[in-house]
């Protein structure tokens, strides 16, 4: 999965990911330092990968694994919001902030910005704690919700 950035966006070789999927594997991708044709190298966040590949693949659902159980809302509380929709997205985005850990990729705010791009394409996402990694299939198939689910913005939440 080689990629590089330029002013025109990310370029990548999707063939290895497609081959893994043909073999029945679920691709798990992560960010890294990537070559930038204009600037040298830069950090490319894992949070940006689903948007970058969404034109190449028929993505229906994305799981964003992190070290928290979902989105804290209101901010600075221990309350996790279960569902984010087009109706409450802006309020949740305003409450999101940088990570309390060392994070050079924009924290929860960047996750939400990237997730909004997916939601506008009809792709649902869930922000989920790594503690539930063994429940990957249950979450992808929406049999059980473990974190904060962000609905696609095409299907309105009523």
N, C-alpha and C. Protein backbone atom coordinates (compact mmCIF):
# COMPACT_ATOMS: atom_id res chain seq x y z
N UNK A 1 0.86 -1.18 0.00
CA UNK A 1 0.00 0.00 0.00
C UNK A 1 0.89 1.22 0.00
N UNK A 2 1.44 1.57 -1.12
CA UNK A 2 2.29 2.75 -1.21
C UNK A 2 1.44 3.96 -1.53
N UNK A 3 1.78 5.05 -0.87
CA UNK A 3 1.04 6.27 -1.13
C UNK A 3 1.97 7.46 -1.05
N UNK A 4 1.52 8.55 -1.65
CA UNK A 4 2.22 9.81 -1.51
C UNK A 4 1.21 10.93 -1.66
N UNK A 5 1.58 12.08 -1.15
CA UNK A 5 0.70 13.24 -1.20
C UNK A 5 1.26 14.26 -2.17
N UNK A 6 0.36 15.05 -2.73
CA UNK A 6 0.74 16.21 -3.52
C UNK A 6 -0.38 17.22 -3.39
N UNK A 7 -0.22 18.37 -3.99
CA UNK A 7 -1.28 19.38 -3.92
C UNK A 7 -2.60 18.87 -4.48
N UNK A 8 -2.53 17.87 -5.35
CA UNK A 8 -3.76 17.35 -5.96
C UNK A 8 -4.38 16.22 -5.14
N UNK A 9 -3.80 15.91 -3.98
CA UNK A 9 -4.38 14.88 -3.12
C UNK A 9 -3.49 13.67 -2.98
N UNK A 10 -4.04 12.63 -2.38
CA UNK A 10 -3.27 11.41 -2.14
C UNK A 10 -3.34 10.49 -3.36
N UNK A 11 -2.23 9.87 -3.64
CA UNK A 11 -2.15 8.86 -4.69
C UNK A 11 -1.71 7.57 -4.02
N UNK A 12 -2.34 6.47 -4.35
CA UNK A 12 -1.95 5.22 -3.73
C UNK A 12 -2.20 4.05 -4.67
N UNK A 13 -1.53 2.97 -4.36
CA UNK A 13 -1.68 1.72 -5.10
C UNK A 13 -2.66 0.86 -4.31
N UNK A 14 -3.87 0.74 -4.78
CA UNK A 14 -4.90 0.00 -4.05
C UNK A 14 -4.85 -1.50 -4.29
N UNK A 15 -4.00 -1.97 -5.20
CA UNK A 15 -3.97 -3.39 -5.56
C UNK A 15 -3.75 -4.32 -4.37
N UNK A 16 -2.81 -4.03 -3.44
CA UNK A 16 -2.64 -4.96 -2.31
C UNK A 16 -3.88 -5.06 -1.42
N UNK A 17 -4.57 -3.95 -1.23
CA UNK A 17 -5.78 -3.97 -0.41
C UNK A 17 -6.87 -4.77 -1.13
N UNK A 18 -7.02 -4.56 -2.42
CA UNK A 18 -8.01 -5.31 -3.19
C UNK A 18 -7.73 -6.81 -3.16
N UNK A 19 -6.45 -7.18 -3.26
CA UNK A 19 -6.09 -8.59 -3.22
C UNK A 19 -6.42 -9.19 -1.85
N UNK A 20 -6.14 -8.47 -0.79
CA UNK A 20 -6.47 -8.96 0.56
C UNK A 20 -7.97 -9.18 0.68
N UNK A 21 -8.76 -8.29 0.14
CA UNK A 21 -10.22 -8.43 0.20
C UNK A 21 -10.69 -9.62 -0.63
N UNK A 22 -10.09 -9.84 -1.78
CA UNK A 22 -10.46 -11.01 -2.60
C UNK A 22 -10.18 -12.31 -1.85
N UNK A 23 -9.20 -12.29 -0.97
CA UNK A 23 -8.85 -13.46 -0.18
C UNK A 23 -9.71 -13.59 1.09
N UNK A 24 -10.64 -12.65 1.26
CA UNK A 24 -11.55 -12.71 2.40
C UNK A 24 -11.06 -11.99 3.65
N UNK A 25 -9.97 -11.25 3.55
CA UNK A 25 -9.44 -10.52 4.70
C UNK A 25 -10.14 -9.17 4.85
N UNK A 26 -10.21 -8.69 6.06
CA UNK A 26 -10.71 -7.35 6.34
C UNK A 26 -9.49 -6.44 6.48
N UNK A 27 -9.29 -5.49 5.56
CA UNK A 27 -8.11 -4.65 5.64
C UNK A 27 -8.13 -3.76 6.89
N UNK A 28 -7.02 -3.74 7.58
CA UNK A 28 -6.83 -2.84 8.71
C UNK A 28 -5.64 -1.96 8.33
N UNK A 29 -5.90 -0.68 8.11
CA UNK A 29 -4.89 0.23 7.60
C UNK A 29 -4.53 1.24 8.68
N UNK A 30 -3.31 1.77 8.60
CA UNK A 30 -2.90 2.77 9.59
C UNK A 30 -2.09 3.86 8.90
N UNK A 31 -2.03 5.00 9.56
CA UNK A 31 -1.28 6.13 9.04
C UNK A 31 0.21 5.93 9.21
N UNK A 32 0.96 6.86 8.64
CA UNK A 32 2.41 6.74 8.68
C UNK A 32 2.99 8.06 8.16
N UNK A 33 4.31 8.11 8.12
CA UNK A 33 4.98 9.18 7.39
C UNK A 33 4.88 8.82 5.92
N UNK A 34 4.42 9.75 5.11
CA UNK A 34 4.32 9.49 3.68
C UNK A 34 5.08 10.56 2.92
N UNK A 35 5.52 10.20 1.75
CA UNK A 35 6.21 11.15 0.90
C UNK A 35 5.21 12.16 0.37
N UNK A 36 5.58 13.41 0.43
CA UNK A 36 4.77 14.47 -0.13
C UNK A 36 5.57 15.06 -1.28
N UNK A 37 5.04 14.97 -2.49
CA UNK A 37 5.76 15.42 -3.69
C UNK A 37 6.11 16.90 -3.62
N UNK A 38 5.39 17.67 -2.81
CA UNK A 38 5.63 19.11 -2.73
C UNK A 38 6.48 19.52 -1.53
N UNK A 39 6.40 18.74 -0.42
CA UNK A 39 7.05 19.15 0.84
C UNK A 39 8.07 18.18 1.39
N UNK A 40 8.25 17.03 0.80
CA UNK A 40 9.12 16.01 1.39
C UNK A 40 8.28 14.95 2.05
N UNK A 41 8.40 14.80 3.37
CA UNK A 41 7.60 13.84 4.11
C UNK A 41 6.65 14.56 5.05
N UNK A 42 5.53 13.92 5.34
CA UNK A 42 4.61 14.46 6.34
C UNK A 42 3.81 13.33 6.96
N UNK A 43 3.21 13.63 8.09
CA UNK A 43 2.39 12.64 8.79
C UNK A 43 1.05 12.54 8.08
N UNK A 44 0.65 11.32 7.77
CA UNK A 44 -0.66 11.08 7.19
C UNK A 44 -1.45 10.27 8.20
N UNK A 45 -2.48 10.86 8.76
CA UNK A 45 -3.25 10.25 9.83
C UNK A 45 -4.08 9.07 9.34
N UNK A 46 -4.17 8.06 10.18
CA UNK A 46 -5.08 6.93 9.91
C UNK A 46 -6.50 7.42 9.70
N UNK A 47 -6.86 8.50 10.38
CA UNK A 47 -8.21 9.05 10.27
C UNK A 47 -8.54 9.48 8.85
N UNK A 48 -7.53 9.79 8.06
CA UNK A 48 -7.75 10.28 6.69
C UNK A 48 -7.86 9.16 5.66
N UNK A 49 -7.45 7.96 6.02
CA UNK A 49 -7.40 6.86 5.05
C UNK A 49 -8.77 6.52 4.45
N UNK A 50 -9.83 6.34 5.25
CA UNK A 50 -11.11 5.98 4.63
C UNK A 50 -11.59 6.99 3.57
N UNK A 51 -11.40 8.27 3.84
CA UNK A 51 -11.80 9.29 2.85
C UNK A 51 -10.93 9.15 1.60
N UNK A 52 -9.62 8.95 1.81
CA UNK A 52 -8.70 8.85 0.68
C UNK A 52 -9.02 7.68 -0.23
N UNK A 53 -9.51 6.58 0.32
CA UNK A 53 -9.77 5.39 -0.50
C UNK A 53 -11.24 5.22 -0.86
N UNK A 54 -12.09 6.12 -0.40
CA UNK A 54 -13.54 5.94 -0.60
C UNK A 54 -13.97 6.02 -2.06
N UNK A 55 -13.16 6.61 -2.91
CA UNK A 55 -13.52 6.64 -4.33
C UNK A 55 -13.10 5.36 -5.05
N UNK A 56 -12.19 4.60 -4.44
CA UNK A 56 -11.70 3.36 -5.05
C UNK A 56 -12.47 2.13 -4.59
N UNK A 57 -13.09 2.22 -3.42
CA UNK A 57 -13.73 1.07 -2.82
C UNK A 57 -15.19 1.39 -2.47
N UNK A 58 -16.01 0.38 -2.46
CA UNK A 58 -17.41 0.52 -2.05
C UNK A 58 -17.47 0.35 -0.53
N UNK A 59 -17.21 1.43 0.19
CA UNK A 59 -17.17 1.38 1.65
C UNK A 59 -18.57 1.64 2.18
N UNK A 60 -19.02 0.78 3.08
CA UNK A 60 -20.34 0.96 3.71
C UNK A 60 -20.23 1.40 5.16
N UNK A 61 -19.13 0.99 5.81
CA UNK A 61 -18.99 1.27 7.23
C UNK A 61 -17.51 1.33 7.59
N UNK A 62 -17.17 2.23 8.52
CA UNK A 62 -15.79 2.39 8.96
C UNK A 62 -15.76 2.37 10.49
N UNK A 63 -14.80 1.64 11.04
CA UNK A 63 -14.57 1.64 12.48
C UNK A 63 -13.29 2.42 12.75
N UNK A 64 -13.39 3.42 13.61
CA UNK A 64 -12.23 4.20 14.04
C UNK A 64 -11.88 3.75 15.45
N UNK A 65 -10.84 2.93 15.58
CA UNK A 65 -10.42 2.47 16.90
C UNK A 65 -9.55 3.51 17.57
N UNK A 66 -9.77 3.70 18.86
CA UNK A 66 -9.04 4.71 19.62
C UNK A 66 -8.92 4.25 21.07
N UNK A 67 -8.37 5.10 21.91
CA UNK A 67 -8.16 4.73 23.31
C UNK A 67 -9.24 5.27 24.24
N UNK A 68 -10.35 5.71 23.68
CA UNK A 68 -11.50 6.16 24.48
C UNK A 68 -12.75 5.45 23.97
N UNK A 69 -13.80 5.36 24.80
CA UNK A 69 -14.97 4.56 24.41
C UNK A 69 -15.91 5.22 23.40
N UNK A 70 -15.60 6.41 22.95
CA UNK A 70 -16.45 7.13 22.01
C UNK A 70 -16.19 8.62 22.14
N UNK A 71 -17.17 9.43 21.75
CA UNK A 71 -17.02 10.88 21.83
C UNK A 71 -17.63 11.36 23.14
N UNK A 72 -16.81 12.05 23.93
CA UNK A 72 -17.31 12.65 25.17
C UNK A 72 -18.13 13.88 24.80
N UNK A 73 -19.38 13.88 25.23
CA UNK A 73 -20.27 15.01 24.93
C UNK A 73 -21.29 15.13 26.04
N UNK A 74 -21.37 16.29 26.69
CA UNK A 74 -20.54 17.47 26.50
C UNK A 74 -19.08 17.20 26.86
N UNK A 75 -18.21 18.06 26.33
CA UNK A 75 -16.77 17.90 26.54
C UNK A 75 -16.44 17.99 28.02
N UNK A 76 -15.36 17.36 28.40
CA UNK A 76 -14.87 17.33 29.78
C UNK A 76 -15.85 16.66 30.74
N UNK A 77 -16.62 15.73 30.21
CA UNK A 77 -17.48 14.89 31.06
C UNK A 77 -17.12 13.45 30.76
N UNK A 78 -17.71 12.55 31.48
CA UNK A 78 -17.52 11.12 31.20
C UNK A 78 -18.70 10.56 30.41
N UNK A 79 -19.56 11.43 29.89
CA UNK A 79 -20.72 10.99 29.11
C UNK A 79 -20.32 10.76 27.65
N UNK A 80 -20.66 9.60 27.14
CA UNK A 80 -20.38 9.26 25.75
C UNK A 80 -21.68 9.40 24.96
N UNK A 81 -21.65 10.19 23.91
CA UNK A 81 -22.82 10.33 23.05
C UNK A 81 -22.91 9.07 22.19
N UNK A 82 -24.08 8.48 22.11
CA UNK A 82 -24.26 7.22 21.38
C UNK A 82 -24.36 7.42 19.87
N UNK A 83 -25.02 8.51 19.45
CA UNK A 83 -25.28 8.69 18.02
C UNK A 83 -25.04 10.14 17.62
N UNK A 84 -24.34 10.33 16.52
CA UNK A 84 -24.16 11.63 15.91
C UNK A 84 -24.83 11.57 14.55
N UNK A 85 -25.64 12.59 14.26
CA UNK A 85 -26.36 12.65 12.99
C UNK A 85 -26.12 14.03 12.37
N UNK A 86 -26.68 14.25 11.21
CA UNK A 86 -26.57 15.56 10.57
C UNK A 86 -27.14 16.65 11.48
N UNK A 87 -28.14 16.30 12.26
CA UNK A 87 -28.81 17.29 13.11
C UNK A 87 -27.95 17.77 14.27
N UNK A 88 -27.12 16.91 14.85
CA UNK A 88 -26.32 17.33 16.00
C UNK A 88 -24.82 17.39 15.71
N UNK A 89 -24.43 17.16 14.47
CA UNK A 89 -23.01 17.09 14.13
C UNK A 89 -22.25 18.36 14.50
N UNK A 90 -22.75 19.51 14.15
CA UNK A 90 -22.02 20.77 14.41
C UNK A 90 -21.77 20.98 15.89
N UNK A 91 -22.76 20.69 16.73
CA UNK A 91 -22.58 20.85 18.18
C UNK A 91 -21.52 19.89 18.70
N UNK A 92 -21.52 18.67 18.22
CA UNK A 92 -20.53 17.68 18.65
C UNK A 92 -19.14 18.09 18.16
N UNK A 93 -19.04 18.57 16.92
CA UNK A 93 -17.76 19.01 16.38
C UNK A 93 -17.19 20.16 17.20
N UNK A 94 -18.03 21.10 17.57
CA UNK A 94 -17.56 22.25 18.38
C UNK A 94 -17.05 21.81 19.74
N UNK A 95 -17.63 20.74 20.29
CA UNK A 95 -17.21 20.25 21.60
C UNK A 95 -15.95 19.39 21.52
N UNK A 96 -15.65 18.87 20.34
CA UNK A 96 -14.48 17.99 20.18
C UNK A 96 -13.21 18.81 20.24
N UNK A 97 -12.18 18.19 20.70
CA UNK A 97 -10.91 18.91 20.79
C UNK A 97 -9.74 18.01 20.50
N UNK A 98 -8.56 18.52 20.82
CA UNK A 98 -7.37 17.71 20.61
C UNK A 98 -7.30 16.59 21.63
N UNK A 99 -6.48 15.62 21.35
CA UNK A 99 -6.29 14.50 22.25
C UNK A 99 -5.52 14.95 23.49
N UNK A 100 -5.78 14.29 24.61
CA UNK A 100 -4.98 14.55 25.81
C UNK A 100 -3.67 13.79 25.76
N UNK A 101 -3.53 12.85 24.83
CA UNK A 101 -2.30 12.10 24.60
C UNK A 101 -1.47 12.84 23.55
N UNK A 102 -0.23 12.39 23.34
CA UNK A 102 0.56 12.95 22.25
C UNK A 102 -0.09 12.52 20.93
N UNK A 103 -0.58 13.48 20.18
CA UNK A 103 -1.28 13.20 18.93
C UNK A 103 -0.98 14.33 17.96
N UNK A 104 -0.34 14.02 16.86
CA UNK A 104 0.01 15.03 15.88
C UNK A 104 -0.97 15.10 14.73
N UNK A 105 -2.09 14.37 14.85
CA UNK A 105 -2.98 14.23 13.70
C UNK A 105 -4.34 14.90 13.89
N UNK A 106 -4.52 15.68 14.94
CA UNK A 106 -5.76 16.45 15.07
C UNK A 106 -6.77 15.91 16.06
N UNK A 107 -6.48 14.81 16.71
CA UNK A 107 -7.36 14.30 17.75
C UNK A 107 -8.77 13.99 17.26
N UNK A 108 -9.72 14.08 18.18
CA UNK A 108 -11.12 13.75 17.88
C UNK A 108 -11.71 14.71 16.85
N UNK A 109 -11.27 15.96 16.87
CA UNK A 109 -11.80 16.94 15.91
C UNK A 109 -11.49 16.51 14.48
N UNK A 110 -10.26 16.08 14.20
CA UNK A 110 -9.93 15.62 12.86
C UNK A 110 -10.71 14.37 12.50
N UNK A 111 -10.88 13.45 13.46
CA UNK A 111 -11.70 12.26 13.20
C UNK A 111 -13.07 12.68 12.72
N UNK A 112 -13.70 13.61 13.43
CA UNK A 112 -15.05 14.03 13.07
C UNK A 112 -15.10 14.73 11.72
N UNK A 113 -14.10 15.52 11.41
CA UNK A 113 -14.05 16.19 10.09
C UNK A 113 -13.98 15.14 8.99
N UNK A 114 -13.13 14.14 9.17
CA UNK A 114 -13.01 13.08 8.16
C UNK A 114 -14.29 12.25 8.09
N UNK A 115 -14.86 11.95 9.24
CA UNK A 115 -16.10 11.17 9.29
C UNK A 115 -17.24 11.90 8.59
N UNK A 116 -17.29 13.23 8.72
CA UNK A 116 -18.33 14.01 8.04
C UNK A 116 -18.22 13.85 6.52
N UNK A 117 -16.99 13.80 6.01
CA UNK A 117 -16.79 13.60 4.57
C UNK A 117 -17.34 12.24 4.14
N UNK A 118 -17.14 11.23 5.00
CA UNK A 118 -17.69 9.91 4.71
C UNK A 118 -19.22 9.92 4.80
N UNK A 119 -19.74 10.56 5.85
CA UNK A 119 -21.19 10.61 6.07
C UNK A 119 -21.90 11.26 4.88
N UNK A 120 -21.28 12.27 4.30
CA UNK A 120 -21.87 12.92 3.13
C UNK A 120 -21.91 12.01 1.91
N UNK A 121 -21.10 10.96 1.91
CA UNK A 121 -21.09 9.96 0.83
C UNK A 121 -21.98 8.77 1.17
N UNK A 122 -22.67 8.85 2.31
CA UNK A 122 -23.56 7.76 2.70
C UNK A 122 -22.89 6.67 3.50
N UNK A 123 -21.70 6.94 4.05
CA UNK A 123 -20.94 5.94 4.80
C UNK A 123 -21.07 6.19 6.29
N UNK A 124 -21.48 5.17 7.02
CA UNK A 124 -21.62 5.26 8.47
C UNK A 124 -20.31 4.88 9.14
N UNK A 125 -20.02 5.49 10.29
CA UNK A 125 -18.79 5.20 11.03
C UNK A 125 -19.11 4.99 12.50
N UNK A 126 -18.16 4.38 13.19
CA UNK A 126 -18.27 4.24 14.65
C UNK A 126 -16.89 4.48 15.24
N UNK A 127 -16.85 5.31 16.28
CA UNK A 127 -15.63 5.53 17.05
C UNK A 127 -15.71 4.58 18.23
N UNK A 128 -14.71 3.72 18.36
CA UNK A 128 -14.80 2.58 19.25
C UNK A 128 -13.47 2.37 19.99
N UNK A 129 -13.55 1.91 21.21
CA UNK A 129 -12.37 1.64 22.03
C UNK A 129 -11.66 0.37 21.54
N UNK A 130 -10.33 0.38 21.55
CA UNK A 130 -9.56 -0.81 21.18
C UNK A 130 -9.93 -2.03 22.02
N UNK A 131 -10.49 -1.80 23.20
CA UNK A 131 -10.90 -2.93 24.06
C UNK A 131 -11.90 -3.83 23.36
N UNK A 132 -12.60 -3.32 22.34
CA UNK A 132 -13.62 -4.09 21.63
C UNK A 132 -13.13 -4.59 20.27
N UNK A 133 -11.81 -4.62 20.07
CA UNK A 133 -11.28 -5.04 18.78
C UNK A 133 -11.70 -6.47 18.42
N UNK A 134 -11.84 -7.33 19.42
CA UNK A 134 -12.28 -8.70 19.16
C UNK A 134 -13.72 -8.78 18.67
N UNK A 135 -14.46 -7.69 18.79
CA UNK A 135 -15.86 -7.65 18.36
C UNK A 135 -16.03 -6.93 17.02
N UNK A 136 -14.98 -6.92 16.24
CA UNK A 136 -14.95 -6.22 14.96
C UNK A 136 -16.13 -6.59 14.06
N UNK A 137 -16.40 -7.87 13.89
CA UNK A 137 -17.47 -8.32 13.00
C UNK A 137 -18.83 -7.87 13.52
N UNK A 138 -19.08 -8.04 14.82
CA UNK A 138 -20.35 -7.60 15.40
C UNK A 138 -20.59 -6.11 15.14
N UNK A 139 -19.53 -5.34 15.26
CA UNK A 139 -19.66 -3.90 15.06
C UNK A 139 -19.87 -3.56 13.59
N UNK A 140 -19.09 -4.17 12.70
CA UNK A 140 -19.25 -3.90 11.26
C UNK A 140 -20.64 -4.31 10.76
N UNK A 141 -21.15 -5.39 11.29
CA UNK A 141 -22.48 -5.86 10.88
C UNK A 141 -23.60 -5.16 11.65
N UNK A 142 -23.22 -4.22 12.51
CA UNK A 142 -24.17 -3.42 13.30
C UNK A 142 -25.08 -4.26 14.19
N UNK A 143 -24.57 -5.42 14.62
CA UNK A 143 -25.33 -6.25 15.56
C UNK A 143 -25.25 -5.68 16.96
N UNK A 144 -24.16 -4.95 17.24
CA UNK A 144 -23.99 -4.36 18.55
C UNK A 144 -23.20 -3.06 18.40
N UNK A 145 -23.57 -2.07 19.18
CA UNK A 145 -22.88 -0.79 19.17
C UNK A 145 -22.02 -0.69 20.42
N UNK A 146 -20.73 -0.39 20.23
CA UNK A 146 -19.79 -0.32 21.35
C UNK A 146 -19.36 1.11 21.67
N UNK A 147 -19.44 2.01 20.71
CA UNK A 147 -18.95 3.37 20.91
C UNK A 147 -19.95 4.39 20.41
N UNK A 148 -19.43 5.46 19.79
CA UNK A 148 -20.28 6.49 19.20
C UNK A 148 -20.45 6.19 17.73
N UNK A 149 -21.69 6.04 17.29
CA UNK A 149 -21.99 5.78 15.89
C UNK A 149 -22.33 7.10 15.20
N UNK A 150 -21.71 7.33 14.06
CA UNK A 150 -21.98 8.53 13.27
C UNK A 150 -22.74 8.06 12.05
N UNK A 151 -24.00 8.48 11.98
CA UNK A 151 -24.87 8.06 10.88
C UNK A 151 -24.45 8.75 9.59
N UNK A 152 -24.75 8.10 8.48
CA UNK A 152 -24.49 8.80 7.23
C UNK A 152 -25.51 9.93 7.11
N UNK A 153 -25.11 10.98 6.44
CA UNK A 153 -25.95 12.17 6.38
C UNK A 153 -27.00 12.09 5.28
N UNK A 154 -27.04 10.98 4.56
CA UNK A 154 -28.06 10.78 3.54
C UNK A 154 -29.32 10.24 4.20
N UNK A 155 -29.14 9.27 5.12
CA UNK A 155 -30.26 8.75 5.90
C UNK A 155 -30.40 9.61 7.15
N UNK A 156 -31.45 10.37 7.25
CA UNK A 156 -31.64 11.24 8.40
C UNK A 156 -32.09 10.44 9.62
N UNK A 157 -31.67 10.88 10.77
CA UNK A 157 -32.05 10.24 12.02
C UNK A 157 -33.33 10.90 12.51
N UNK A 158 -34.43 10.11 12.65
CA UNK A 158 -35.72 10.66 13.11
C UNK A 158 -36.17 9.95 14.35
